[in-house]
C-alpha atoms as a PDB file:
ATOM      1  CA  MET A   1     -27.886  79.673  73.872  1.00  0.00           C
ATOM      2  CA  GLN A   2     -26.657  78.716  77.302  1.00  0.00           C
ATOM      3  CA  ARG A   3     -28.071  80.503  80.352  1.00  0.00           C
ATOM      4  CA  PRO A   4     -25.525  82.144  82.679  1.00  0.00           C
ATOM      5  CA  SER A   5     -24.835  80.431  85.979  1.00  0.00           C
ATOM      6  CA  LEU A   6     -26.187  81.957  89.161  1.00  0.00           C
ATOM      7  CA  ALA A   7     -22.696  83.227  90.026  1.00  0.00           C
ATOM      8  CA  GLU A   8     -22.510  85.090  86.686  1.00  0.00           C
ATOM      9  CA  TRP A   9     -25.972  86.633  86.895  1.00  0.00           C
ATOM     10  CA  GLN A  10     -26.204  90.123  88.383  1.00  0.00           C
ATOM     11  CA  LEU A  11     -29.021  92.559  89.004  1.00  0.00           C
ATOM     12  CA  PRO A  12     -28.883  95.821  87.089  1.00  0.00           C
ATOM     13  CA  PRO A  13     -27.423  98.666  89.231  1.00  0.00           C
ATOM     14  CA  PHE A  14     -30.803 100.383  89.669  1.00  0.00           C
ATOM     15  CA  ASN A  15     -32.385  97.238  91.099  1.00  0.00           C
ATOM     16  CA  ARG A  16     -29.547  96.754  93.559  1.00  0.00           C
ATOM     17  CA  TRP A  17     -29.954 100.356  94.710  1.00  0.00           C
ATOM     18  CA  SER A  18     -33.708  99.903  95.050  1.00  0.00           C
ATOM     19  CA  PHE A  19     -33.218  96.675  96.981  1.00  0.00           C
ATOM     20  CA  TRP A  20     -30.912  98.237  99.605  1.00  0.00           C
ATOM     21  CA  HIS A  21     -32.898 101.475  99.673  1.00  0.00           C
ATOM     22  CA  VAL A  22     -36.025  99.648 100.918  1.00  0.00           C
ATOM     23  CA  ARG A  23     -33.969  97.694 103.437  1.00  0.00           C
ATOM     24  CA  GLU A  24     -32.427 100.824 104.943  1.00  0.00           C
ATOM     25  CA  LEU A  25     -35.696 102.756 104.900  1.00  0.00           C
ATOM     26  CA  ILE A  26     -37.440 100.111 107.031  1.00  0.00           C
ATOM     27  CA  ALA A  27     -34.391  99.725 109.304  1.00  0.00           C
ATOM     28  CA  THR A  28     -34.275 103.480 109.908  1.00  0.00           C
ATOM     29  CA  ALA A  29     -37.990 103.614 110.685  1.00  0.00           C
ATOM     30  CA  ALA A  30     -37.632 100.778 113.209  1.00  0.00           C
ATOM     31  CA  GLU A  31     -34.579 102.327 114.847  1.00  0.00           C
ATOM     32  CA  LEU A  32     -36.052 105.831 115.052  1.00  0.00           C
ATOM     33  CA  GLY A  33     -39.316 104.470 116.443  1.00  0.00           C
ATOM     34  CA  ALA A  34     -37.406 102.673 119.179  1.00  0.00           C
ATOM     35  CA  ALA A  35     -35.282 105.729 119.961  1.00  0.00           C
ATOM     36  CA  GLN A  36     -38.337 107.985 120.070  1.00  0.00           C
ATOM     37  CA  SER A  37     -40.023 105.651 122.542  1.00  0.00           C
ATOM     38  CA  GLY A  38     -37.017 105.830 124.861  1.00  0.00           C
ATOM     39  CA  ALA A  39     -35.394 102.467 124.145  1.00  0.00           C
ATOM     40  CA  ASP A  40     -31.726 101.988 125.015  1.00  0.00           C
ATOM     41  CA  GLU A  41     -29.013 101.783 122.316  1.00  0.00           C
ATOM     42  CA  PRO A  42     -28.767  97.955 122.188  1.00  0.00           C
ATOM     43  CA  THR A  43     -32.524  97.718 121.684  1.00  0.00           C
ATOM     44  CA  CYS A  44     -32.403 100.360 118.947  1.00  0.00           C
ATOM     45  CA  ALA A  45     -29.601  98.426 117.228  1.00  0.00           C
ATOM     46  CA  ARG A  46     -31.547  95.147 117.442  1.00  0.00           C
ATOM     47  CA  LEU A  47     -34.633  96.787 115.955  1.00  0.00           C
ATOM     48  CA  ALA A  48     -32.541  98.305 113.159  1.00  0.00           C
ATOM     49  CA  ALA A  49     -31.168  94.826 112.371  1.00  0.00           C
ATOM     50  CA  PHE A  50     -34.724  93.441 112.409  1.00  0.00           C
ATOM     51  CA  GLY A  51     -35.819  96.264 110.085  1.00  0.00           C
ATOM     52  CA  ARG A  52     -33.054  95.382 107.612  1.00  0.00           C
ATOM     53  CA  LYS A  53     -34.163  91.747 107.549  1.00  0.00           C
ATOM     54  CA  LEU A  54     -37.802  92.775 107.179  1.00  0.00           C
ATOM     55  CA  GLY A  55     -36.851  95.153 104.352  1.00  0.00           C
ATOM     56  CA  VAL A  56     -35.016  92.399 102.482  1.00  0.00           C
ATOM     57  CA  ALA A  57     -37.961  90.024 102.945  1.00  0.00           C
ATOM     58  CA  PHE A  58     -40.368  92.685 101.693  1.00  0.00           C
ATOM     59  CA  GLN A  59     -38.264  93.444  98.633  1.00  0.00           C
ATOM     60  CA  ILE A  60     -37.877  89.759  97.729  1.00  0.00           C
ATOM     61  CA  GLN A  61     -41.640  89.270  98.028  1.00  0.00           C
ATOM     62  CA  ASP A  62     -42.293  92.398  95.960  1.00  0.00           C
ATOM     63  CA  ASP A  63     -39.864  91.253  93.254  1.00  0.00           C
ATOM     64  CA  ILE A  64     -41.473  87.803  93.088  1.00  0.00           C
ATOM     65  CA  ILE A  65     -44.904  89.369  92.684  1.00  0.00           C
ATOM     66  CA  GLY A  66     -43.503  91.668  89.997  1.00  0.00           C
ATOM     67  CA  ILE A  67     -42.051  88.733  88.071  1.00  0.00           C
ATOM     68  CA  PHE A  68     -45.050  86.421  88.284  1.00  0.00           C
ATOM     69  CA  ASP A  69     -47.905  88.935  88.286  1.00  0.00           C
ATOM     70  CA  SER A  70     -50.368  87.528  85.747  1.00  0.00           C
ATOM     71  CA  GLU A  71     -51.945  90.923  84.973  1.00  0.00           C
ATOM     72  CA  LYS A  72     -48.661  92.316  83.630  1.00  0.00           C
ATOM     73  CA  ASN A  73     -47.925  89.295  81.410  1.00  0.00           C
END
């Protein structure tokens, strides 16, 4: 049996939702924290963008741990 190419492989819908959910949750927390502290709009937007990148990095790391966690296997 031949494995699908990377272009053909897709995450199940629930995992995609979970992936973006974490990203937006961290972005919102960063943006609201900046706004609450009195930061201007460009700073809030930059922190929201940083939060999205941090959320993606967190989710990738969490997925890798989930795949290779020796206690589960």
